[in-house]
Amino acid sequence: MKISEIRDLLGAELLCGEDCLDHEVYSACCSDMMSDVLAYVKDQGVLLTGLVNSQVIRTANMMDMVCVVFVRNKVPTEEMISLARECGIVVMRTACRAYEGCGILYSEGLGRGAENV
């Protein structure tokens, strides 16, 4: 699924990464606990979270994620957006709750296994 499709499905506002909207992603995860993302997440392209601090962007960068979506209309700081630009990470925000956003993406085929790759 392209990042632009994720934006459209979630009705998300793009905050940075306009040049990466055609990037394909194959899976997503959702967590507000960056320690869990570091410990358990492998091969995820998109992170949905309600946590708004620079550690989210740093964690996404360490885990080679290409997109962060802030749920519940959370607004990242300019410092976070600047860091995401430096790291080449797309940042969006959506009014969806985390559960809703994950459900929408899963129902549209994101992260259902190797047959989608």
PDB file of N, CA and C in Angstrom:
ATOM      1  N   MET A   1       0.849  -1.176   0.000  1.00  0.00           N
ATOM      2  CA  MET A   1       0.000   0.000   0.000  1.00  0.00           C
ATOM      3  C   MET A   1       0.895   1.240   0.000  1.00  0.00           C
ATOM      4  N   LYS A   2       0.537   2.200  -0.787  1.00  0.00           N
ATOM      5  CA  LYS A   2       1.301   3.451  -0.831  1.00  0.00           C
ATOM      6  C   LYS A   2       0.945   4.328   0.363  1.00  0.00           C
ATOM      7  N   ILE A   3       1.905   5.144   0.783  1.00  0.00           N
ATOM      8  CA  ILE A   3       1.677   6.058   1.893  1.00  0.00           C
ATOM      9  C   ILE A   3       0.533   7.018   1.564  1.00  0.00           C
ATOM     10  N   SER A   4       0.411   7.392   0.308  1.00  0.00           N
ATOM     11  CA  SER A   4      -0.696   8.280  -0.085  1.00  0.00           C
ATOM     12  C   SER A   4      -2.050   7.611   0.160  1.00  0.00           C
ATOM     13  N   GLU A   5      -2.125   6.297  -0.014  1.00  0.00           N
ATOM     14  CA  GLU A   5      -3.365   5.574   0.260  1.00  0.00           C
ATOM     15  C   GLU A   5      -3.675   5.577   1.756  1.00  0.00           C
ATOM     16  N   ILE A   6      -2.636   5.439   2.576  1.00  0.00           N
ATOM     17  CA  ILE A   6      -2.814   5.488   4.028  1.00  0.00           C
ATOM     18  C   ILE A   6      -3.368   6.854   4.422  1.00  0.00           C
ATOM     19  N   ARG A   7      -2.786   7.900   3.857  1.00  0.00           N
ATOM     20  CA  ARG A   7      -3.271   9.261   4.120  1.00  0.00           C
ATOM     21  C   ARG A   7      -4.749   9.377   3.786  1.00  0.00           C
ATOM     22  N   ASP A   8      -5.125   8.887   2.608  1.00  0.00           N
ATOM     23  CA  ASP A   8      -6.509   9.002   2.173  1.00  0.00           C
ATOM     24  C   ASP A   8      -7.456   8.155   3.022  1.00  0.00           C
ATOM     25  N   LEU A   9      -7.064   6.932   3.338  1.00  0.00           N
ATOM     26  CA  LEU A   9      -7.914   6.043   4.125  1.00  0.00           C
ATOM     27  C   LEU A   9      -8.173   6.581   5.529  1.00  0.00           C
ATOM     28  N   LEU A  10      -7.149   7.211   6.117  1.00  0.00           N
ATOM     29  CA  LEU A  10      -7.271   7.721   7.474  1.00  0.00           C
ATOM     30  C   LEU A  10      -7.727   9.175   7.518  1.00  0.00           C
ATOM     31  N   GLY A  11      -7.912   9.781   6.363  1.00  0.00           N
ATOM     32  CA  GLY A  11      -8.281  11.197   6.317  1.00  0.00           C
ATOM     33  C   GLY A  11      -7.233  12.032   7.028  1.00  0.00           C
ATOM     34  N   ALA A  12      -5.984  11.664   6.828  1.00  0.00           N
ATOM     35  CA  ALA A  12      -4.881  12.266   7.581  1.00  0.00           C
ATOM     36  C   ALA A  12      -4.359  13.535   6.926  1.00  0.00           C
ATOM     37  N   GLU A  13      -3.828  14.392   7.758  1.00  0.00           N
ATOM     38  CA  GLU A  13      -3.161  15.611   7.310  1.00  0.00           C
ATOM     39  C   GLU A  13      -1.666  15.324   7.199  1.00  0.00           C
ATOM     40  N   LEU A  14      -1.103  15.583   6.049  1.00  0.00           N
ATOM     41  CA  LEU A  14       0.329  15.386   5.830  1.00  0.00           C
ATOM     42  C   LEU A  14       1.095  16.561   6.424  1.00  0.00           C
ATOM     43  N   LEU A  15       2.055  16.265   7.308  1.00  0.00           N
ATOM     44  CA  LEU A  15       2.833  17.314   7.961  1.00  0.00           C
ATOM     45  C   LEU A  15       4.238  17.433   7.394  1.00  0.00           C
ATOM     46  N   CYS A  16       4.777  16.350   6.879  1.00  0.00           N
ATOM     47  CA  CYS A  16       6.052  16.389   6.149  1.00  0.00           C
ATOM     48  C   CYS A  16       6.226  15.086   5.391  1.00  0.00           C
ATOM     49  N   GLY A  17       7.069  15.130   4.364  1.00  0.00           N
ATOM     50  CA  GLY A  17       7.363  13.946   3.569  1.00  0.00           C
ATOM     51  C   GLY A  17       6.598  13.863   2.273  1.00  0.00           C
ATOM     52  N   GLU A  18       6.236  15.024   1.729  1.00  0.00           N
ATOM     53  CA  GLU A  18       5.462  15.077   0.487  1.00  0.00           C
ATOM     54  C   GLU A  18       6.100  14.253  -0.633  1.00  0.00           C
ATOM     55  N   ASP A  19       7.411  14.223  -0.663  1.00  0.00           N
ATOM     56  CA  ASP A  19       8.122  13.532  -1.740  1.00  0.00           C
ATOM     57  C   ASP A  19       8.152  12.018  -1.574  1.00  0.00           C
ATOM     58  N   CYS A  20       7.609  11.495  -0.480  1.00  0.00           N
ATOM     59  CA  CYS A  20       7.648  10.051  -0.222  1.00  0.00           C
ATOM     60  C   CYS A  20       6.271   9.397  -0.286  1.00  0.00           C
ATOM     61  N   LEU A  21       5.265  10.093  -0.763  1.00  0.00           N
ATOM     62  CA  LEU A  21       3.909   9.560  -0.752  1.00  0.00           C
ATOM     63  C   LEU A  21       3.728   8.336  -1.636  1.00  0.00           C
ATOM     64  N   ASP A  22       4.595   8.135  -2.610  1.00  0.00           N
ATOM     65  CA  ASP A  22       4.499   6.963  -3.479  1.00  0.00           C
ATOM     66  C   ASP A  22       5.253   5.757  -2.926  1.00  0.00           C
ATOM     67  N   HIS A  23       5.870   5.916  -1.772  1.00  0.00           N
ATOM     68  CA  HIS A  23       6.615   4.819  -1.147  1.00  0.00           C
ATOM     69  C   HIS A  23       5.649   3.708  -0.738  1.00  0.00           C
ATOM     70  N   GLU A  24       5.986   2.462  -1.049  1.00  0.00           N
ATOM     71  CA  GLU A  24       5.163   1.306  -0.687  1.00  0.00           C
ATOM     72  C   GLU A  24       5.516   0.830   0.716  1.00  0.00           C
ATOM     73  N   VAL A  25       4.500   0.519   1.495  1.00  0.00           N
ATOM     74  CA  VAL A  25       4.694  -0.101   2.808  1.00  0.00           C
ATOM     75  C   VAL A  25       3.855  -1.369   2.857  1.00  0.00           C
ATOM     76  N   TYR A  26       4.291  -2.314   3.669  1.00  0.00           N
ATOM     77  CA  TYR A  26       3.636  -3.621   3.698  1.00  0.00           C
ATOM     78  C   TYR A  26       3.102  -4.000   5.072  1.00  0.00           C
ATOM     79  N   SER A  27       3.419  -3.186   6.078  1.00  0.00           N
ATOM     80  CA  SER A  27       2.944  -3.512   7.417  1.00  0.00           C
ATOM     81  C   SER A  27       2.922  -2.267   8.283  1.00  0.00           C
ATOM     82  N   ALA A  28       2.257  -2.393   9.423  1.00  0.00           N
ATOM     83  CA  ALA A  28       2.140  -1.277  10.355  1.00  0.00           C
ATOM     84  C   ALA A  28       2.098  -1.819  11.772  1.00  0.00           C
ATOM     85  N   CYS A  29       2.350  -0.948  12.713  1.00  0.00           N
ATOM     86  CA  CYS A  29       2.200  -1.292  14.120  1.00  0.00           C
ATOM     87  C   CYS A  29       1.641  -0.085  14.839  1.00  0.00           C
ATOM     88  N   CYS A  30       1.143  -0.320  16.047  1.00  0.00           N
ATOM     89  CA  CYS A  30       0.567   0.755  16.835  1.00  0.00           C
ATOM     90  C   CYS A  30       1.012   0.594  18.281  1.00  0.00           C
ATOM     91  N   SER A  31       1.591   1.655  18.827  1.00  0.00           N
ATOM     92  CA  SER A  31       2.004   1.615  20.226  1.00  0.00           C
ATOM     93  C   SER A  31       2.307   3.018  20.718  1.00  0.00           C
ATOM     94  N   ASP A  32       2.047   3.234  22.003  1.00  0.00           N
ATOM     95  CA  ASP A  32       2.478   4.456  22.676  1.00  0.00           C
ATOM     96  C   ASP A  32       3.714   4.174  23.522  1.00  0.00           C
ATOM     97  N   MET A  33       4.143   2.938  23.547  1.00  0.00           N
ATOM     98  CA  MET A  33       5.314   2.531  24.328  1.00  0.00           C
ATOM     99  C   MET A  33       6.483   2.284  23.369  1.00  0.00           C
ATOM    100  N   MET A  34       7.391   3.234  23.274  1.00  0.00           N
ATOM    101  CA  MET A  34       8.497   3.097  22.337  1.00  0.00           C
ATOM    102  C   MET A  34       9.409   1.945  22.722  1.00  0.00           C
ATOM    103  N   SER A  35       9.456   1.589  24.003  1.00  0.00           N
ATOM    104  CA  SER A  35      10.252   0.429  24.406  1.00  0.00           C
ATOM    105  C   SER A  35       9.679  -0.845  23.786  1.00  0.00           C
ATOM    106  N   ASP A  36       8.356  -0.945  23.673  1.00  0.00           N
ATOM    107  CA  ASP A  36       7.755  -2.106  23.013  1.00  0.00           C
ATOM    108  C   ASP A  36       8.053  -2.109  21.524  1.00  0.00           C
ATOM    109  N   VAL A  37       8.036  -0.947  20.915  1.00  0.00           N
ATOM    110  CA  VAL A  37       8.365  -0.860  19.491  1.00  0.00           C
ATOM    111  C   VAL A  37       9.796  -1.353  19.269  1.00  0.00           C
ATOM    112  N   LEU A  38      10.707  -0.914  20.113  1.00  0.00           N
ATOM    113  CA  LEU A  38      12.107  -1.341  19.994  1.00  0.00           C
ATOM    114  C   LEU A  38      12.274  -2.836  20.258  1.00  0.00           C
ATOM    115  N   ALA A  39      11.520  -3.371  21.203  1.00  0.00           N
ATOM    116  CA  ALA A  39      11.688  -4.767  21.601  1.00  0.00           C
ATOM    117  C   ALA A  39      10.997  -5.760  20.677  1.00  0.00           C
ATOM    118  N   TYR A  40       9.842  -5.409  20.144  1.00  0.00           N
ATOM    119  CA  TYR A  40       9.019  -6.403  19.460  1.00  0.00           C
ATOM    120  C   TYR A  40       8.744  -6.159  17.992  1.00  0.00           C
ATOM    121  N   VAL A  41       8.964  -4.959  17.520  1.00  0.00           N
ATOM    122  CA  VAL A  41       8.574  -4.632  16.150  1.00  0.00           C
ATOM    123  C   VAL A  41       9.706  -4.957  15.183  1.00  0.00           C
ATOM    124  N   LYS A  42       9.365  -5.694  14.154  1.00  0.00           N
ATOM    125  CA  LYS A  42      10.321  -6.021  13.094  1.00  0.00           C
ATOM    126  C   LYS A  42       9.645  -5.782  11.751  1.00  0.00           C
ATOM    127  N   ASP A  43      10.366  -5.193  10.839  1.00  0.00           N
ATOM    128  CA  ASP A  43       9.889  -5.019   9.462  1.00  0.00           C
ATOM    129  C   ASP A  43       8.556  -4.288   9.365  1.00  0.00           C
ATOM    130  N   GLN A  44       8.407  -3.230  10.142  1.00  0.00           N
ATOM    131  CA  GLN A  44       7.186  -2.431  10.083  1.00  0.00           C
ATOM    132  C   GLN A  44       7.478  -1.149   9.316  1.00  0.00           C
ATOM    133  N   GLY A  45       6.581  -0.745   8.464  1.00  0.00           N
ATOM    134  CA  GLY A  45       6.786   0.465   7.688  1.00  0.00           C
ATOM    135  C   GLY A  45       6.125   1.692   8.281  1.00  0.00           C
ATOM    136  N   VAL A  46       5.033   1.480   9.036  1.00  0.00           N
ATOM    137  CA  VAL A  46       4.233   2.589   9.548  1.00  0.00           C
ATOM    138  C   VAL A  46       4.015   2.401  11.049  1.00  0.00           C
ATOM    139  N   LEU A  47       4.168   3.497  11.780  1.00  0.00           N
ATOM    140  CA  LEU A  47       3.884   3.498  13.215  1.00  0.00           C
ATOM    141  C   LEU A  47       2.710   4.429  13.488  1.00  0.00           C
ATOM    142  N   LEU A  48       1.660   3.905  14.094  1.00  0.00           N
ATOM    143  CA  LEU A  48       0.551   4.722  14.571  1.00  0.00           C
ATOM    144  C   LEU A  48       0.733   4.893  16.069  1.00  0.00           C
ATOM    145  N   THR A  49       0.619   6.124  16.551  1.00  0.00           N
ATOM    146  CA  THR A  49       0.829   6.377  17.969  1.00  0.00           C
ATOM    147  C   THR A  49       0.107   7.630  18.428  1.00  0.00           C
ATOM    148  N   GLY A  50      -0.176   7.664  19.713  1.00  0.00           N
ATOM    149  CA  GLY A  50      -0.733   8.852  20.329  1.00  0.00           C
ATOM    150  C   GLY A  50       0.301   9.577  21.168  1.00  0.00           C
ATOM    151  N   LEU A  51       1.492   9.028  21.228  1.00  0.00           N
ATOM    152  CA  LEU A  51       2.582   9.641  21.988  1.00  0.00           C
ATOM    153  C   LEU A  51       3.223  10.737  21.147  1.00  0.00           C
ATOM    154  N   VAL A  52       3.365  11.918  21.721  1.00  0.00           N
ATOM    155  CA  VAL A  52       3.926  13.033  20.977  1.00  0.00           C
ATOM    156  C   VAL A  52       5.175  13.536  21.695  1.00  0.00           C
ATOM    157  N   ASN A  53       6.304  12.969  21.306  1.00  0.00           N
ATOM    158  CA  ASN A  53       7.604  13.493  21.730  1.00  0.00           C
ATOM    159  C   ASN A  53       8.657  13.040  20.730  1.00  0.00           C
ATOM    160  N   SER A  54       9.838  13.613  20.809  1.00  0.00           N
ATOM    161  CA  SER A  54      10.864  13.347  19.800  1.00  0.00           C
ATOM    162  C   SER A  54      11.326  11.891  19.801  1.00  0.00           C
ATOM    163  N   GLN A  55      11.108  11.177  20.902  1.00  0.00           N
ATOM    164  CA  GLN A  55      11.507   9.764  20.939  1.00  0.00           C
ATOM    165  C   GLN A  55      10.743   8.933  19.917  1.00  0.00           C
ATOM    166  N   VAL A  56       9.548   9.355  19.573  1.00  0.00           N
ATOM    167  CA  VAL A  56       8.775   8.642  18.557  1.00  0.00           C
ATOM    168  C   VAL A  56       9.519   8.675  17.231  1.00  0.00           C
ATOM    169  N   ILE A  57       9.983   9.826  16.839  1.00  0.00           N
ATOM    170  CA  ILE A  57      10.709   9.961  15.566  1.00  0.00           C
ATOM    171  C   ILE A  57      12.041   9.228  15.642  1.00  0.00           C
ATOM    172  N   ARG A  58      12.744   9.353  16.755  1.00  0.00           N
ATOM    173  CA  ARG A  58      14.028   8.652  16.920  1.00  0.00           C
ATOM    174  C   ARG A  58      13.842   7.131  16.861  1.00  0.00           C
ATOM    175  N   THR A  59      12.795   6.648  17.503  1.00  0.00           N
ATOM    176  CA  THR A  59      12.506   5.211  17.484  1.00  0.00           C
ATOM    177  C   THR A  59      12.152   4.750  16.074  1.00  0.00           C
ATOM    178  N   ALA A  60      11.298   5.497  15.399  1.00  0.00           N
ATOM    179  CA  ALA A  60      10.927   5.147  14.025  1.00  0.00           C
ATOM    180  C   ALA A  60      12.162   5.104  13.134  1.00  0.00           C
ATOM    181  N   ASN A  61      13.054   6.039  13.312  1.00  0.00           N
ATOM    182  CA  ASN A  61      14.285   6.072  12.520  1.00  0.00           C
ATOM    183  C   ASN A  61      15.158   4.851  12.814  1.00  0.00           C
ATOM    184  N   MET A  62      15.301   4.524  14.081  1.00  0.00           N
ATOM    185  CA  MET A  62      16.122   3.358  14.466  1.00  0.00           C
ATOM    186  C   MET A  62      15.564   2.065  13.895  1.00  0.00           C
ATOM    187  N   MET A  63      14.243   1.994  13.779  1.00  0.00           N
ATOM    188  CA  MET A  63      13.584   0.771  13.310  1.00  0.00           C
ATOM    189  C   MET A  63      13.319   0.800  11.795  1.00  0.00           C
ATOM    190  N   ASP A  64      13.903   1.782  11.111  1.00  0.00           N
ATOM    191  CA  ASP A  64      13.760   1.907   9.657  1.00  0.00           C
ATOM    192  C   ASP A  64      12.303   2.048   9.201  1.00  0.00           C
ATOM    193  N   MET A  65      11.485   2.694  10.013  1.00  0.00           N
ATOM    194  CA  MET A  65      10.110   2.969   9.618  1.00  0.00           C
ATOM    195  C   MET A  65      10.104   4.184   8.702  1.00  0.00           C
ATOM    196  N   VAL A  66       9.152   4.239   7.808  1.00  0.00           N
ATOM    197  CA  VAL A  66       9.118   5.322   6.833  1.00  0.00           C
ATOM    198  C   VAL A  66       7.981   6.305   7.059  1.00  0.00           C
ATOM    199  N   CYS A  67       7.089   5.985   8.015  1.00  0.00           N
ATOM    200  CA  CYS A  67       5.926   6.839   8.225  1.00  0.00           C
ATOM    201  C   CYS A  67       5.449   6.745   9.674  1.00  0.00           C
ATOM    202  N   VAL A  68       5.137   7.893  10.249  1.00  0.00           N
ATOM    203  CA  VAL A  68       4.532   7.964  11.584  1.00  0.00           C
ATOM    204  C   VAL A  68       3.201   8.687  11.443  1.00  0.00           C
ATOM    205  N   VAL A  69       2.157   8.082  11.995  1.00  0.00           N
ATOM    206  CA  VAL A  69       0.831   8.692  11.989  1.00  0.00           C
ATOM    207  C   VAL A  69       0.422   8.936  13.435  1.00  0.00           C
ATOM    208  N   PHE A  70       0.222  10.196  13.777  1.00  0.00           N
ATOM    209  CA  PHE A  70      -0.249  10.553  15.110  1.00  0.00           C
ATOM    210  C   PHE A  70      -1.772  10.502  15.112  1.00  0.00           C
ATOM    211  N   VAL A  71      -2.324   9.736  16.046  1.00  0.00           N
ATOM    212  CA  VAL A  71      -3.766   9.540  16.127  1.00  0.00           C
ATOM    213  C   VAL A  71      -4.392  10.576  17.059  1.00  0.00           C
ATOM    214  N   ARG A  72      -5.713  10.607  17.074  1.00  0.00           N
ATOM    215  CA  ARG A  72      -6.491  11.521  17.930  1.00  0.00           C
ATOM    216  C   ARG A  72      -6.092  12.982  17.736  1.00  0.00           C
ATOM    217  N   ASN A  73      -5.739  13.318  16.501  1.00  0.00           N
ATOM    218  CA  ASN A  73      -5.367  14.694  16.129  1.00  0.00           C
ATOM    219  C   ASN A  73      -4.243  15.279  16.974  1.00  0.00           C
ATOM    220  N   LYS A  74      -3.373  14.420  17.460  1.00  0.00           N
ATOM    221  CA  LYS A  74      -2.211  14.897  18.211  1.00  0.00           C
ATOM    222  C   LYS A  74      -1.334  15.705  17.271  1.00  0.00           C
ATOM    223  N   VAL A  75      -0.729  16.756  17.793  1.00  0.00           N
ATOM    224  CA  VAL A  75       0.069  17.662  16.976  1.00  0.00           C
ATOM    225  C   VAL A  75       1.537  17.577  17.403  1.00  0.00           C
ATOM    226  N   PRO A  76       2.395  17.074  16.517  1.00  0.00           N
ATOM    227  CA  PRO A  76       3.823  17.043  16.845  1.00  0.00           C
ATOM    228  C   PRO A  76       4.423  18.446  16.813  1.00  0.00           C
ATOM    229  N   THR A  77       5.497  18.624  17.540  1.00  0.00           N
ATOM    230  CA  THR A  77       6.175  19.920  17.581  1.00  0.00           C
ATOM    231  C   THR A  77       6.941  20.157  16.284  1.00  0.00           C
ATOM    232  N   GLU A  78       7.305  21.393  16.052  1.00  0.00           N
ATOM    233  CA  GLU A  78       8.121  21.730  14.882  1.00  0.00           C
ATOM    234  C   GLU A  78       9.469  21.008  14.952  1.00  0.00           C
ATOM    235  N   GLU A  79      10.001  20.852  16.153  1.00  0.00           N
ATOM    236  CA  GLU A  79      11.263  20.118  16.331  1.00  0.00           C
ATOM    237  C   GLU A  79      11.118  18.673  15.856  1.00  0.00           C
ATOM    238  N   MET A  80       9.998  18.049  16.176  1.00  0.00           N
ATOM    239  CA  MET A  80       9.757  16.673  15.740  1.00  0.00           C
ATOM    240  C   MET A  80       9.628  16.595  14.226  1.00  0.00           C
ATOM    241  N   ILE A  81       8.920  17.528  13.645  1.00  0.00           N
ATOM    242  CA  ILE A  81       8.746  17.536  12.188  1.00  0.00           C
ATOM    243  C   ILE A  81      10.080  17.767  11.502  1.00  0.00           C
ATOM    244  N   SER A  82      10.885  18.657  12.041  1.00  0.00           N
ATOM    245  CA  SER A  82      12.210  18.913  11.477  1.00  0.00           C
ATOM    246  C   SER A  82      13.086  17.662  11.554  1.00  0.00           C
ATOM    247  N   LEU A  83      13.045  16.972  12.686  1.00  0.00           N
ATOM    248  CA  LEU A  83      13.818  15.740  12.844  1.00  0.00           C
ATOM    249  C   LEU A  83      13.337  14.676  11.859  1.00  0.00           C
ATOM    250  N   ALA A  84      12.036  14.570  11.678  1.00  0.00           N
ATOM    251  CA  ALA A  84      11.486  13.608  10.721  1.00  0.00           C
ATOM    252  C   ALA A  84      11.951  13.923   9.303  1.00  0.00           C
ATOM    253  N   ARG A  85      11.977  15.199   8.942  1.00  0.00           N
ATOM    254  CA  ARG A  85      12.479  15.591   7.613  1.00  0.00           C
ATOM    255  C   ARG A  85      13.926  15.144   7.435  1.00  0.00           C
ATOM    256  N   GLU A  86      14.750  15.387   8.460  1.00  0.00           N
ATOM    257  CA  GLU A  86      16.158  14.981   8.408  1.00  0.00           C
ATOM    258  C   GLU A  86      16.301  13.476   8.217  1.00  0.00           C
ATOM    259  N   CYS A  87      15.398  12.727   8.827  1.00  0.00           N
ATOM    260  CA  CYS A  87      15.458  11.265   8.776  1.00  0.00           C
ATOM    261  C   CYS A  87      14.724  10.675   7.576  1.00  0.00           C
ATOM    262  N   GLY A  88      14.027  11.502   6.815  1.00  0.00           N
ATOM    263  CA  GLY A  88      13.276  11.017   5.657  1.00  0.00           C
ATOM    264  C   GLY A  88      12.013  10.258   6.040  1.00  0.00           C
ATOM    265  N   ILE A  89      11.393  10.642   7.151  1.00  0.00           N
ATOM    266  CA  ILE A  89      10.193   9.974   7.635  1.00  0.00           C
ATOM    267  C   ILE A  89       8.969  10.847   7.345  1.00  0.00           C
ATOM    268  N   VAL A  90       7.948  10.244   6.783  1.00  0.00           N
ATOM    269  CA  VAL A  90       6.683  10.926   6.543  1.00  0.00           C
ATOM    270  C   VAL A  90       5.959  11.056   7.885  1.00  0.00           C
ATOM    271  N   VAL A  91       5.386  12.224   8.141  1.00  0.00           N
ATOM    272  CA  VAL A  91       4.607  12.438   9.361  1.00  0.00           C
ATOM    273  C   VAL A  91       3.221  12.938   8.985  1.00  0.00           C
ATOM    274  N   MET A  92       2.220  12.283   9.581  1.00  0.00           N
ATOM    275  CA  MET A  92       0.825  12.664   9.369  1.00  0.00           C
ATOM    276  C   MET A  92       0.101  12.657  10.707  1.00  0.00           C
ATOM    277  N   ARG A  93      -1.072  13.283  10.720  1.00  0.00           N
ATOM    278  CA  ARG A  93      -1.943  13.181  11.886  1.00  0.00           C
ATOM    279  C   ARG A  93      -3.365  12.937  11.412  1.00  0.00           C
ATOM    280  N   THR A  94      -4.106  12.194  12.226  1.00  0.00           N
ATOM    281  CA  THR A  94      -5.471  11.837  11.875  1.00  0.00           C
ATOM    282  C   THR A  94      -6.373  11.974  13.091  1.00  0.00           C
ATOM    283  N   ALA A  95      -7.639  12.208  12.838  1.00  0.00           N
ATOM    284  CA  ALA A  95      -8.624  12.277  13.919  1.00  0.00           C
ATOM    285  C   ALA A  95      -8.984  10.887  14.437  1.00  0.00           C
ATOM    286  N   CYS A  96      -8.636   9.850  13.692  1.00  0.00           N
ATOM    287  CA  CYS A  96      -8.950   8.477  14.107  1.00  0.00           C
ATOM    288  C   CYS A  96      -8.299   8.141  15.443  1.00  0.00           C
ATOM    289  N   ARG A  97      -8.979   7.309  16.203  1.00  0.00           N
ATOM    290  CA  ARG A  97      -8.354   6.700  17.376  1.00  0.00           C
ATOM    291  C   ARG A  97      -7.432   5.594  16.878  1.00  0.00           C
ATOM    292  N   ALA A  98      -6.516   5.165  17.694  1.00  0.00           N
ATOM    293  CA  ALA A  98      -5.538   4.153  17.289  1.00  0.00           C
ATOM    294  C   ALA A  98      -6.224   2.873  16.818  1.00  0.00           C
ATOM    295  N   TYR A  99      -7.178   2.398  17.580  1.00  0.00           N
ATOM    296  CA  TYR A  99      -7.888   1.167  17.248  1.00  0.00           C
ATOM    297  C   TYR A  99      -8.582   1.278  15.897  1.00  0.00           C
ATOM    298  N   GLU A 100      -9.250   2.392  15.689  1.00  0.00           N
ATOM    299  CA  GLU A 100      -9.956   2.643  14.435  1.00  0.00           C
ATOM    300  C   GLU A 100      -8.988   2.696  13.260  1.00  0.00           C
ATOM    301  N   GLY A 101      -7.889   3.445  13.412  1.00  0.00           N
ATOM    302  CA  GLY A 101      -6.903   3.563  12.342  1.00  0.00           C
ATOM    303  C   GLY A 101      -6.301   2.228  11.954  1.00  0.00           C
ATOM    304  N   CYS A 102      -5.956   1.428  12.957  1.00  0.00           N
ATOM    305  CA  CYS A 102      -5.407   0.098  12.677  1.00  0.00           C
ATOM    306  C   CYS A 102      -6.424  -0.778  11.962  1.00  0.00           C
ATOM    307  N   GLY A 103      -7.671  -0.705  12.413  1.00  0.00           N
ATOM    308  CA  GLY A 103      -8.715  -1.505  11.786  1.00  0.00           C
ATOM    309  C   GLY A 103      -8.930  -1.142  10.333  1.00  0.00           C
ATOM    310  N   ILE A 104      -8.930   0.143  10.046  1.00  0.00           N
ATOM    311  CA  ILE A 104      -9.101   0.599   8.662  1.00  0.00           C
ATOM    312  C   ILE A 104      -7.961   0.078   7.787  1.00  0.00           C
ATOM    313  N   LEU A 105      -6.737   0.248   8.243  1.00  0.00           N
ATOM    314  CA  LEU A 105      -5.588  -0.177   7.450  1.00  0.00           C
ATOM    315  C   LEU A 105      -5.571  -1.689   7.263  1.00  0.00           C
ATOM    316  N   TYR A 106      -5.893  -2.430   8.318  1.00  0.00           N
ATOM    317  CA  TYR A 106      -5.913  -3.888   8.215  1.00  0.00           C
ATOM    318  C   TYR A 106      -7.019  -4.344   7.260  1.00  0.00           C
ATOM    319  N   SER A 107      -8.190  -3.741   7.374  1.00  0.00           N
ATOM    320  CA  SER A 107      -9.304  -4.155   6.517  1.00  0.00           C
ATOM    321  C   SER A 107      -9.032  -3.861   5.045  1.00  0.00           C
ATOM    322  N   GLU A 108      -8.159  -2.907   4.780  1.00  0.00           N
ATOM    323  CA  GLU A 108      -7.795  -2.586   3.404  1.00  0.00           C
ATOM    324  C   GLU A 108      -6.586  -3.378   2.907  1.00  0.00           C
ATOM    325  N   GLY A 109      -6.097  -4.308   3.747  1.00  0.00           N
ATOM    326  CA  GLY A 109      -5.063  -5.233   3.292  1.00  0.00           C
ATOM    327  C   GLY A 109      -3.658  -4.989   3.800  1.00  0.00           C
ATOM    328  N   LEU A 110      -3.427  -3.943   4.579  1.00  0.00           N
ATOM    329  CA  LEU A 110      -2.076  -3.678   5.064  1.00  0.00           C
ATOM    330  C   LEU A 110      -1.707  -4.669   6.163  1.00  0.00           C
ATOM    331  N   GLY A 111      -0.602  -5.349   5.967  1.00  0.00           N
ATOM    332  CA  GLY A 111      -0.066  -6.228   6.999  1.00  0.00           C
ATOM    333  C   GLY A 111      -0.726  -7.576   7.137  1.00  0.00           C
ATOM    334  N   ARG A 112      -1.285  -8.098   6.064  1.00  0.00           N
ATOM    335  CA  ARG A 112      -1.945  -9.397   6.152  1.00  0.00           C
ATOM    336  C   ARG A 112      -1.049 -10.543   5.704  1.00  0.00           C
ATOM    337  N   GLY A 113       0.236 -10.289   5.586  1.00  0.00           N
ATOM    338  CA  GLY A 113       1.134 -11.397   5.257  1.00  0.00           C
ATOM    339  C   GLY A 113       1.825 -11.243   3.931  1.00  0.00           C
ATOM    340  N   ALA A 114       2.656 -12.218   3.636  1.00  0.00           N
ATOM    341  CA  ALA A 114       3.543 -12.182   2.470  1.00  0.00           C
ATOM    342  C   ALA A 114       2.793 -12.128   1.150  1.00  0.00           C
ATOM    343  N   GLU A 115       1.564 -12.628   1.125  1.00  0.00           N
ATOM    344  CA  GLU A 115       0.838 -12.617  -0.148  1.00  0.00           C
ATOM    345  C   GLU A 115       0.539 -11.215  -0.639  1.00  0.00           C
ATOM    346  N   ASN A 116       0.653 -10.223   0.240  1.00  0.00           N
ATOM    347  CA  ASN A 116       0.401  -8.836  -0.152  1.00  0.00           C
ATOM    348  C   ASN A 116       1.652  -8.125  -0.630  1.00  0.00           C
ATOM    349  N   VAL A 117       2.784  -8.759  -0.519  1.00  0.00           N
ATOM    350  CA  VAL A 117       4.039  -8.112  -0.903  1.00  0.00           C
ATOM    351  C   VAL A 117       4.216  -8.151  -2.393  1.00  0.00           C
TER     352      VAL A 117
END
